[in-house]
Protein backbone atom coordinates (compact mmCIF):
# COMPACT_ATOMS: atom_id res chain seq x y z
CA MET A 1 98.41 66.97 126.74
CA THR A 2 99.19 63.94 124.82
CA ALA A 3 100.07 60.91 126.71
CA PRO A 4 103.41 59.07 125.96
CA ASP A 5 103.21 56.20 123.65
CA PRO A 6 103.71 53.08 125.76
CA LEU A 7 105.22 51.15 122.80
CA LEU A 8 108.05 53.53 122.36
CA PRO A 9 110.99 53.55 124.90
CA ALA A 10 111.52 56.28 127.11
CA PRO A 11 114.14 59.06 125.90
CA GLU A 12 116.56 58.03 128.62
CA ALA A 13 116.39 54.42 127.09
CA ARG A 14 117.09 55.46 123.79
CA LEU A 15 120.56 57.04 124.80
CA THR A 16 123.73 55.00 124.51
CA HIS A 17 125.60 54.35 127.69
CA TYR A 18 127.88 57.25 127.12
CA GLY A 19 124.77 59.67 126.34
CA ARG A 20 123.17 58.67 129.71
CA LEU A 21 126.37 59.38 131.45
CA ARG A 22 127.11 62.60 129.91
CA ASP A 23 123.54 63.86 130.54
CA ARG A 24 123.72 62.78 134.25
CA LEU A 25 127.08 64.65 134.72
CA LEU A 26 126.24 67.74 132.63
CA GLN A 27 122.42 68.16 133.65
CA ASP A 28 123.20 67.68 137.40
CA PRO A 29 123.57 71.18 138.76
CA ASP A 30 126.72 70.63 140.83
CA TRP A 31 128.56 68.24 138.53
CA GLY A 32 127.59 70.22 135.43
CA ARG A 33 128.96 73.60 136.94
CA ALA A 34 132.25 71.72 138.11
CA ILE A 35 132.76 70.27 134.64
CA ARG A 36 132.27 73.39 132.79
CA TRP A 37 134.91 75.06 134.92
CA LEU A 38 137.40 72.15 135.50
CA ALA A 39 137.46 70.98 131.82
CA PRO A 40 139.19 74.05 130.23
CA LEU A 41 141.48 74.28 133.45
CA VAL A 42 142.40 70.81 133.09
CA ILE A 43 143.13 70.88 129.51
CA THR A 44 144.96 74.18 129.71
CA ALA A 45 147.09 72.71 132.52
CA VAL A 46 148.02 69.43 130.47
CA ALA A 47 149.01 71.97 127.57
CA ALA A 48 151.16 74.07 130.04
CA VAL A 49 152.91 70.87 131.32
CA LEU A 50 153.81 69.77 127.61
CA ARG A 51 155.16 73.17 126.76
CA LEU A 52 156.83 74.23 130.08
CA VAL A 53 158.57 71.15 131.27
CA GLY A 54 162.11 70.99 130.07
CA VAL A 55 161.31 74.07 128.01
CA SER A 56 165.17 75.26 128.49
CA HIS A 57 166.56 72.24 126.43
CA PRO A 58 168.45 72.70 124.28
CA HIS A 59 170.57 75.39 125.92
CA GLU A 60 171.50 76.97 122.66
CA LEU A 61 169.81 78.98 120.05
CA ALA A 62 167.93 76.69 117.93
CA PHE A 63 166.99 77.25 114.22
CA ASP A 64 165.62 80.73 113.84
CA GLU A 65 165.98 81.69 117.53
CA THR A 66 169.35 83.04 116.34
CA TYR A 67 167.32 85.99 114.89
CA TYR A 68 164.48 86.62 117.48
CA VAL A 69 166.29 85.94 120.59
CA LYS A 70 168.84 88.36 119.77
CA ASP A 71 166.43 91.01 118.50
CA ALA A 72 164.46 90.58 121.61
CA TRP A 73 167.35 91.17 123.79
CA SER A 74 168.44 94.28 121.64
CA LEU A 75 164.97 95.76 121.88
CA TRP A 76 165.04 95.35 125.69
CA THR A 77 168.34 96.93 125.89
CA LEU A 78 168.20 99.63 123.20
CA GLY A 79 164.51 99.83 122.24
CA TYR A 80 165.32 98.90 118.70
CA GLU A 81 167.15 96.00 116.97
CA GLY A 82 171.00 96.65 116.97
CA THR A 83 173.73 94.88 115.30
CA TRP A 84 175.43 91.63 116.70
CA GLY A 85 178.84 90.47 116.58
CA GLY A 86 179.84 87.09 115.17
CA GLU A 87 180.14 85.16 118.38
CA ALA A 88 176.69 86.26 119.66
CA ASN A 89 175.35 82.70 119.55
CA GLU A 90 177.93 81.14 121.57
CA ALA A 91 177.71 84.23 124.10
CA PHE A 92 174.05 83.48 124.75
CA ALA A 93 174.59 79.83 125.42
CA THR A 94 177.74 80.51 127.67
CA GLY A 95 176.66 83.67 129.52
CA GLN A 96 179.53 85.67 128.26
CA SER A 97 179.51 89.34 127.41
CA LEU A 98 176.96 89.80 124.57
CA PRO A 99 178.49 91.49 121.44
CA LEU A 100 175.63 93.94 120.76
CA SER A 101 176.44 97.38 119.06
CA ASP A 102 174.01 100.19 118.88
CA ALA A 103 174.32 100.38 115.01
CA GLY A 104 170.67 99.76 113.62
CA SER A 105 170.05 96.43 111.99
CA PHE A 106 167.69 95.78 109.14
CA ILE A 107 164.73 93.67 110.52
CA VAL A 108 161.99 92.30 108.46
CA HIS A 109 159.29 91.53 111.06
CA PRO A 110 157.43 93.90 113.44
CA PRO A 111 158.63 93.96 116.91
CA LEU A 112 155.66 93.08 119.26
CA GLY A 113 156.46 89.26 119.42
CA LYS A 114 160.03 90.03 120.09
CA TRP A 115 158.96 92.16 122.93
CA LEU A 116 157.13 89.47 124.46
CA ILE A 117 160.14 87.08 124.06
CA ALA A 118 162.10 89.89 125.87
CA LEU A 119 159.80 89.87 128.80
CA GLY A 120 160.90 86.33 129.45
CA MET A 121 164.53 87.00 129.24
CA ALA A 122 164.18 90.07 131.49
CA ILE A 123 162.94 87.51 134.08
CA GLY A 124 165.53 84.82 133.52
CA GLY A 125 168.39 86.89 132.05
CA PRO A 126 169.78 86.68 128.55
CA GLU A 127 171.74 83.34 129.18
CA ASN A 128 168.50 81.49 130.50
CA SER A 129 167.16 79.45 127.50
CA GLY A 130 164.04 78.88 129.47
CA GLY A 131 163.60 82.67 129.78
CA TRP A 132 164.06 82.81 125.71
CA ARG A 133 160.96 80.45 125.38
CA LEU A 134 158.78 81.48 128.39
CA ALA A 135 156.51 83.85 126.71
CA THR A 136 156.03 81.42 123.60
CA ALA A 137 155.23 78.49 126.00
CA ILE A 138 152.81 80.44 128.03
CA LEU A 139 150.88 81.92 125.08
CA GLY A 140 150.93 78.31 123.37
CA ALA A 141 149.04 76.99 126.40
CA GLY A 142 146.85 80.07 126.21
CA SER A 143 146.12 79.19 122.58
CA VAL A 144 144.62 75.89 123.76
CA LEU A 145 142.35 77.65 126.11
CA LEU A 146 141.24 79.87 123.22
CA VAL A 147 140.47 76.91 121.10
CA TYR A 148 138.26 75.42 123.79
CA LEU A 149 136.45 78.77 124.18
CA ILE A 150 135.88 79.22 120.50
CA ALA A 151 134.78 75.48 120.22
CA ARG A 152 132.41 76.11 123.02
CA ARG A 153 130.77 78.98 121.52
CA LEU A 154 130.51 77.31 118.06
CA SER A 155 129.09 74.03 119.20
CA GLY A 156 127.41 74.75 122.56
CA SER A 157 129.00 71.55 123.83
CA VAL A 158 131.54 71.16 126.49
CA VAL A 159 132.28 67.73 125.15
CA VAL A 160 133.12 69.06 121.74
CA ALA A 161 135.03 72.10 123.08
CA SER A 162 137.12 69.56 125.34
CA VAL A 163 137.98 67.47 122.41
CA ALA A 164 139.08 70.48 120.32
CA GLY A 165 141.27 71.75 123.22
CA THR A 166 142.73 68.48 123.95
CA LEU A 167 143.74 67.76 120.24
CA LEU A 168 145.51 71.06 120.10
CA ALA A 169 147.08 70.51 123.59
CA ILE A 170 148.73 67.18 122.58
CA ASP A 171 149.59 68.21 118.81
CA GLY A 172 153.26 68.01 118.09
CA LEU A 173 153.45 71.16 115.87
CA SER A 174 151.73 73.22 118.46
CA ILE A 175 153.87 71.65 121.12
CA VAL A 176 157.11 72.34 119.37
CA MET A 177 156.36 76.00 118.30
CA SER A 178 155.51 76.67 121.80
CA ARG A 179 158.96 75.23 123.09
CA ILE A 180 161.02 77.38 120.85
CA ALA A 181 161.36 81.26 120.69
CA LEU A 182 159.91 81.86 117.17
CA LEU A 183 157.08 84.34 116.26
CA ASP A 184 154.62 81.82 114.76
CA GLY A 185 153.15 80.50 118.09
CA ILE A 186 152.82 84.10 119.40
CA LEU A 187 150.94 85.01 116.11
CA THR A 188 148.62 82.02 116.56
CA PHE A 189 147.56 83.40 120.17
CA PHE A 190 146.64 86.67 118.89
CA VAL A 191 144.89 85.33 115.75
CA LEU A 192 142.76 83.13 118.01
CA LEU A 193 141.92 85.90 120.47
CA GLY A 194 140.76 88.07 117.64
CA VAL A 195 138.57 85.25 116.36
CA LEU A 196 137.13 84.59 119.81
CA PHE A 197 136.21 88.52 120.01
CA VAL A 198 134.73 88.37 116.58
CA LEU A 199 132.52 85.43 117.76
CA ILE A 200 131.41 87.21 120.90
CA ASP A 201 130.52 90.22 118.77
CA ARG A 202 128.57 88.19 116.47
CA GLN A 203 126.64 86.53 119.01
CA ARG A 204 125.70 89.77 120.71
CA THR A 205 125.08 91.87 117.46
CA ILE A 206 123.37 89.29 115.24
CA PRO A 207 120.30 89.31 117.39
CA GLN A 208 119.90 92.97 117.21
CA LEU A 209 120.14 92.96 113.45
CA GLU A 210 117.69 89.98 112.94
CA ARG A 211 115.11 91.58 115.32
CA ARG A 212 111.98 92.04 113.30
CA ASP A 213 110.46 95.47 114.57
CA PRO A 214 107.46 96.57 112.63
CA GLU A 215 107.83 100.09 113.95
CA THR A 216 111.47 100.62 112.96
CA PRO A 217 112.18 103.77 111.61
CA ASP A 218 113.90 102.67 108.48
CA PRO A 219 112.87 99.18 107.16
CA PHE A 220 114.89 99.79 103.83
CA TRP A 221 118.16 100.04 105.70
CA GLY A 222 117.98 98.53 109.22
CA PRO A 223 120.03 99.78 112.12
CA VAL A 224 123.63 101.18 112.14
CA LEU A 225 125.22 99.86 115.24
CA TRP A 226 128.15 101.80 116.86
CA ARG A 227 128.18 100.21 120.36
CA ARG A 228 130.18 97.05 119.56
CA PRO A 229 133.11 96.84 122.11
CA TRP A 230 134.02 93.31 121.23
CA LEU A 231 134.49 94.28 117.62
CA ILE A 232 136.92 96.93 118.75
CA ALA A 233 138.66 94.44 120.87
CA ALA A 234 138.84 92.01 117.96
CA GLY A 235 140.60 94.68 115.89
CA ALA A 236 142.92 95.18 118.64
CA ALA A 237 143.79 91.44 118.92
CA LEU A 238 144.32 91.11 115.14
CA GLY A 239 146.26 94.35 115.06
CA ALA A 240 148.61 92.53 117.70
CA ALA A 241 148.77 89.55 115.22
CA SER A 242 149.79 91.73 112.51
CA ALA A 243 152.47 93.50 114.98
CA VAL A 244 154.04 89.96 115.37
CA LYS A 245 153.95 89.02 111.61
CA TRP A 246 152.40 90.68 108.70
CA SER A 247 150.65 87.48 107.81
CA GLY A 248 148.19 88.69 110.63
CA LEU A 249 146.85 91.25 107.96
CA TYR A 250 145.24 88.46 106.12
CA VAL A 251 143.36 87.32 109.14
CA LEU A 252 142.38 90.90 109.90
CA ALA A 253 141.04 91.53 106.19
CA GLY A 254 139.35 87.92 106.12
CA PHE A 255 137.34 88.19 109.30
CA GLY A 256 136.72 91.87 108.63
CA LEU A 257 134.91 90.78 105.43
CA TYR A 258 133.31 87.70 107.45
CA VAL A 259 131.86 90.51 109.75
CA VAL A 260 130.33 92.46 106.76
CA VAL A 261 128.84 89.26 105.15
CA THR A 262 127.19 87.98 108.24
CA ASP A 263 125.62 91.51 108.99
CA ALA A 264 124.23 91.56 105.53
CA LEU A 265 122.74 87.86 106.03
CA ALA A 266 121.25 89.01 109.42
CA ARG A 267 119.58 92.01 107.71
CA ARG A 268 118.27 89.77 105.09
CA ARG A 269 116.75 87.47 107.65
CA ALA A 270 115.31 90.54 109.34
CA GLY A 271 113.46 91.62 106.17
CA VAL A 272 115.40 94.62 105.52
CA VAL A 273 114.73 95.63 101.93
CA LEU A 274 118.13 96.98 100.89
CA TRP A 275 120.12 94.43 103.05
CA PRO A 276 123.32 94.24 100.86
CA THR A 277 123.66 97.92 100.37
CA ALA A 278 123.01 98.42 104.00
CA ALA A 279 125.68 96.21 105.22
CA ALA A 280 128.31 97.28 102.75
CA PHE A 281 127.83 101.06 102.50
CA ARG A 282 126.13 102.00 105.91
CA GLN A 283 127.24 99.64 108.66
CA GLY A 284 130.54 98.75 106.69
CA PRO A 285 132.08 101.97 107.13
CA VAL A 286 131.30 101.88 110.72
CA SER A 287 132.56 98.38 111.24
CA PHE A 288 135.66 99.52 109.36
CA VAL A 289 136.36 102.34 111.97
CA LEU A 290 135.59 100.09 114.98
CA PHE A 291 137.71 97.14 113.55
CA VAL A 292 140.58 98.55 111.61
CA PHE A 293 141.46 101.84 113.55
CA PRO A 294 142.12 99.98 116.76
CA ALA A 295 144.26 97.47 114.78
CA LEU A 296 146.17 100.20 113.37
CA ALA A 297 146.64 101.92 116.83
CA VAL A 298 147.97 98.63 118.31
CA TYR A 299 150.27 98.02 115.53
CA LEU A 300 151.76 101.62 115.79
CA VAL A 301 152.27 101.34 119.60
CA SER A 302 154.32 98.20 118.90
CA TRP A 303 156.82 100.48 117.26
CA THR A 304 157.15 102.82 120.03
CA GLY A 305 160.79 101.69 120.79
CA TRP A 306 161.80 102.49 117.33
CA LEU A 307 159.95 105.77 117.24
CA LEU A 308 161.16 107.20 120.41
CA THR A 309 164.76 106.46 119.99
CA SER A 310 167.19 107.60 117.14
CA GLY A 311 169.52 104.49 116.55
CA GLY A 312 167.00 102.20 114.66
CA TYR A 313 167.56 101.19 111.05
CA ASP A 314 166.20 104.01 108.70
CA ARG A 315 165.20 106.00 111.69
CA GLN A 316 166.96 109.04 110.40
CA SER A 317 165.63 108.66 106.72
CA ASP A 318 163.02 111.50 107.30
CA PRO A 319 162.52 114.05 109.95
CA ASN A 320 158.95 113.04 110.37
CA PRO A 321 159.22 109.56 112.34
CA LEU A 322 155.89 108.34 110.90
CA LEU A 323 157.24 109.02 107.25
CA ALA A 324 160.62 107.22 108.23
CA LEU A 325 158.62 104.10 109.51
CA TRP A 326 156.90 104.19 106.19
CA LYS A 327 160.12 104.02 104.23
CA TYR A 328 161.30 101.23 106.55
CA HIS A 329 158.22 99.34 105.67
CA GLU A 330 158.77 99.70 102.03
CA SER A 331 162.17 98.04 102.59
CA MET A 332 160.55 95.32 104.48
CA LEU A 333 157.85 94.65 101.95
CA GLY A 334 160.78 94.58 99.20
CA PHE A 335 162.53 91.85 101.05
CA HIS A 336 159.45 89.67 101.89
CA VAL A 337 158.21 89.92 98.18
CA GLY A 338 161.90 89.13 96.90
CA LEU A 339 162.86 86.17 99.30
CA SER A 340 163.71 83.13 97.39
CA ARG A 341 166.79 81.72 99.04
CA GLY A 342 167.09 78.05 99.16
CA HIS A 343 166.85 76.09 102.21
CA PRO A 344 166.84 72.37 102.99
CA TYR A 345 163.54 72.48 104.79
CA ALA A 346 161.66 74.89 102.64
CA SER A 347 158.29 73.74 101.67
CA PRO A 348 155.71 75.56 99.28
CA ALA A 349 152.39 75.96 100.47
CA TRP A 350 150.81 73.37 97.93
CA GLU A 351 152.84 70.57 99.72
CA TRP A 352 151.45 71.54 103.24
CA PRO A 353 148.24 69.44 103.29
CA PHE A 354 150.24 66.39 102.33
CA LEU A 355 152.77 67.15 105.22
CA LEU A 356 155.71 66.32 102.78
CA ARG A 357 158.51 68.33 104.54
CA PRO A 358 158.24 69.03 108.34
CA THR A 359 160.77 71.33 109.73
CA ALA A 360 163.54 69.86 112.04
CA VAL A 361 164.31 72.83 114.32
CA TRP A 362 167.10 71.16 116.22
CA VAL A 363 169.27 68.01 115.75
CA ASP A 364 172.05 66.54 117.99
CA SER A 365 173.68 63.60 116.31
CA ASP A 366 175.89 62.66 119.18
CA PRO A 367 173.85 63.15 122.57
CA THR A 368 174.78 61.87 125.86
CA GLY A 369 172.68 59.78 128.35
CA CYS A 370 171.01 57.58 125.79
CA GLY A 371 172.46 54.29 126.98
CA THR A 372 173.51 53.01 123.57
CA ASP A 373 176.31 53.83 121.11
CA HIS A 374 173.93 55.15 118.41
CA CYS A 375 171.56 57.90 119.64
CA ILE A 376 170.13 61.15 118.29
CA GLY A 377 168.38 64.00 119.77
CA VAL A 378 165.91 65.73 117.36
CA ILE A 379 163.19 68.52 117.76
CA SER A 380 160.80 67.93 114.80
CA ALA A 381 157.83 70.28 114.17
CA VAL A 382 155.84 67.56 112.68
CA PRO A 383 152.16 67.51 113.74
CA ASN A 384 150.41 64.34 115.20
CA PRO A 385 149.74 62.74 111.71
CA LEU A 386 146.34 61.54 112.64
CA ILE A 387 145.37 65.03 113.82
CA TRP A 388 146.81 66.71 110.81
CA TYR A 389 145.42 64.43 108.00
CA GLY A 390 142.05 64.07 110.01
CA GLY A 391 142.00 67.82 110.07
CA VAL A 392 142.49 68.40 106.27
CA ALA A 393 139.87 65.61 105.67
CA ALA A 394 137.40 67.49 108.01
CA ALA A 395 137.98 70.74 106.47
CA VAL A 396 137.14 69.13 102.95
CA TYR A 397 133.94 67.76 104.60
CA LEU A 398 132.97 71.07 106.13
CA LEU A 399 133.41 72.80 102.70
CA TYR A 400 131.30 70.21 101.05
CA ARG A 401 128.63 70.91 103.76
CA LEU A 402 128.91 74.50 103.23
CA VAL A 403 128.41 74.23 99.46
CA ARG A 404 125.52 71.95 99.93
CA SER A 405 123.89 74.25 102.53
CA TRP A 406 124.25 77.07 100.15
CA ILE A 407 122.82 75.14 97.24
CA THR A 408 119.73 73.89 99.19
CA ARG A 409 119.45 77.25 100.86
CA GLN A 410 119.63 75.84 104.17
CA PRO A 411 120.84 77.98 107.19
CA ILE A 412 124.57 78.09 107.59
CA ALA A 413 126.00 77.81 111.09
CA PRO A 414 129.04 79.49 112.33
CA ALA A 415 130.61 75.86 113.37
CA LEU A 416 130.75 75.51 109.45
CA THR A 417 132.14 78.95 108.43
CA VAL A 418 134.40 79.99 111.05
CA PRO A 419 136.96 77.11 110.86
CA LEU A 420 136.86 77.39 106.89
CA VAL A 421 137.44 81.18 107.04
CA GLY A 422 140.36 80.54 109.53
CA LEU A 423 141.98 78.10 107.24
CA ALA A 424 141.31 80.25 104.30
CA VAL A 425 143.04 83.32 105.67
CA THR A 426 146.04 81.49 107.25
CA TYR A 427 146.61 79.13 104.21
CA LEU A 428 145.40 80.62 100.84
CA PRO A 429 147.70 83.67 100.87
CA TRP A 430 150.63 81.61 100.73
CA LEU A 431 149.73 80.04 97.62
CA MET A 432 150.33 83.49 95.81
CA PHE A 433 154.02 83.20 96.50
CA PRO A 434 155.14 79.82 94.99
CA GLU A 435 158.82 81.03 94.63
CA ARG A 436 159.07 82.43 98.11
CA THR A 437 161.14 80.48 100.76
CA ILE A 438 158.53 79.37 103.36
CA PHE A 439 158.31 76.41 105.74
CA GLN A 440 155.75 73.71 106.99
CA PHE A 441 155.96 75.00 110.44
CA TYR A 442 154.10 78.26 109.36
CA THR A 443 150.99 75.95 109.62
CA VAL A 444 151.00 76.40 113.26
CA VAL A 445 148.60 79.19 112.73
CA MET A 446 146.31 76.74 110.64
CA MET A 447 146.35 73.97 113.26
CA PRO A 448 143.67 75.48 115.49
CA PHE A 449 141.28 75.77 112.68
CA LEU A 450 142.02 72.29 111.49
CA VAL A 451 141.31 71.14 115.09
CA LEU A 452 138.05 72.98 115.08
CA ALA A 453 136.99 71.42 111.93
CA LEU A 454 138.13 67.97 113.05
CA ALA A 455 136.12 68.38 116.50
CA MET A 456 133.02 69.48 114.49
CA THR A 457 133.20 66.47 112.09
CA LEU A 458 133.85 64.06 114.91
CA ARG A 459 130.70 65.30 116.32
CA VAL A 460 128.73 64.46 113.16
CA ILE A 461 130.41 61.11 113.07
CA ALA A 462 129.23 60.44 116.79
CA GLY A 463 125.62 60.90 115.71
CA ARG A 464 122.67 63.04 116.98
CA ARG A 465 120.13 62.26 119.55
CA GLU A 466 117.55 61.63 116.88
CA ASP A 467 119.58 59.12 115.16
CA PRO A 468 118.81 55.31 115.73
CA LEU A 469 120.55 53.68 118.70
CA TYR A 470 122.69 51.47 116.63
CA ARG A 471 123.97 54.60 114.50
CA ARG A 472 124.87 56.44 117.52
CA GLN A 473 126.56 53.48 119.29
CA SER A 474 128.69 52.77 116.22
CA GLY A 475 129.49 56.63 115.71
CA GLU A 476 130.49 57.09 119.39
CA ARG A 477 132.81 53.79 119.29
CA THR A 478 134.44 55.17 116.19
CA VAL A 479 135.16 58.67 117.58
CA LEU A 480 136.54 57.01 120.76
CA ILE A 481 138.59 54.52 118.90
CA PHE A 482 140.12 57.57 116.78
CA LEU A 483 140.72 59.76 120.01
CA ALA A 484 142.51 56.77 121.77
CA PHE A 485 144.89 56.35 118.72
CA VAL A 486 145.46 60.05 118.52
CA VAL A 487 146.77 60.14 122.15
CA LEU A 488 148.80 57.00 121.58
CA VAL A 489 150.48 58.62 118.44
CA SER A 490 151.06 61.66 120.56
CA VAL A 491 152.90 59.50 123.32
CA PHE A 492 154.87 57.81 120.35
CA PHE A 493 156.24 61.21 118.96
CA LEU A 494 156.74 63.17 122.14
CA PRO A 495 160.49 62.29 122.43
CA LEU A 496 160.76 63.92 119.02
CA TRP A 497 158.95 67.00 119.93
CA THR A 498 160.84 67.71 123.16
CA GLY A 499 164.30 66.73 122.06
CA MET A 500 164.96 63.68 123.98
CA SER A 501 167.90 61.65 123.28
CA VAL A 502 166.52 58.28 121.66
CA PRO A 503 168.17 55.28 119.79
CA TYR A 504 168.75 55.93 116.23
CA GLN A 505 166.47 53.09 115.20
CA PHE A 506 163.65 54.44 117.41
CA TRP A 507 164.01 57.72 115.52
CA LEU A 508 163.77 56.16 112.31
CA LEU A 509 160.47 54.56 113.16
CA HIS A 510 159.08 58.09 113.19
CA ASN A 511 160.08 58.96 109.69
CA TRP A 512 156.72 57.96 108.02
CA LEU A 513 157.40 59.69 104.72
CA PRO A 514 160.87 60.22 102.86
CA GLY A 515 160.63 64.06 103.53
CA TRP A 516 160.37 63.67 107.35
CA VAL A 517 164.13 63.29 107.82
């Protein structure tokens, strides 16, 4: 054994103060175990507080709650979406008799998200605004936990995972979309659940594909794997996402392709001769069955209420209920393709990275209890600007790293690919519909992947163990200063994310760009 060089400092001495503290805590058996359990629980608890406290405010249908809350209660009452009278919004706010008829109404989104909203309403009653938003708030906190778990698997670091989870926990867009009964926060939860299950499948399956076995019966093709329960679970979760909004289908397709590509690369590393063909035409059909069929099953189950009743829209268009459902879907698709109505908060997808037009989901220009004559109450779905722009910059950096790794033929880690694949499937499809009326708040599904990209980039900025001491010290200080400012900005914007009554001039201080009003 070679004796240590006495002229070199000990490894402990080369660590920064933060590095020594981190290692002492995480490498101690008792402290390390406690931190690994407490970190996700504390972060999720913070997220839950920010999403659940005061969630019943405002006690009225805000923005597109006018569609989804009413549809949810109709599903709970009739099993399908019925038709509402003209005074329905006021009836929900006042607890009066709800003007719901059993005539089927044409609805353009699948029912699963509204069924989940209905569960909260069943607990609190249709007049309880906290009940309207209970499901979205709980699943919003759950999304924070899922981001922690995904980051933990991508990075292998409790610290990186804690940063990623905390960033999502205190981000304004994620908070607002968890405090209002819309579908996009629910969609985000199921998308993240599916991505987590895909990662678990990859981490269990890739070693089997990479294993070099000289006695393998088929070195030209490699094995065909059927026993992949986590891929089945991923398909079911992304099928649930598609049963909330059809945009979940892009995620299903994108991560299905990701599974095939990573299967192929694993076979190449194992020395399989026909690795592309084997992944695409032998393992590919098997993966399709394991991934897509559960998704289809979950999607169809979400329509059970419509299928088992007779009053839903287009339910009687064909004696075969599945054919009737197909015709209904054709009508829904026609609506989505042709949607081009103007809206003051509409924002085409090319604007989203620049954050030009956030959505105000509720405005009260004459609130009470402010203490001054000129007050305003606003719920604005504007992200924390530092998290948003930092995440966009981090995504560009990861894309650069990915291209460089591909050109230089270096191994490409999932920490690079998963955030970028997630952003691609949640953003790029919207660029195909420049004339469609869409909104900035749709990016709530992108936000977890921006946060993951930002956390991975901050890790690079902080430096590696083998970097010079001065490099790590400056990197860690930079990261800590950035995170401190992120927290301060979230505190500054919190009144506008929760609908507090604030002085008008204070509200104006938050309008950093002309389109933020």
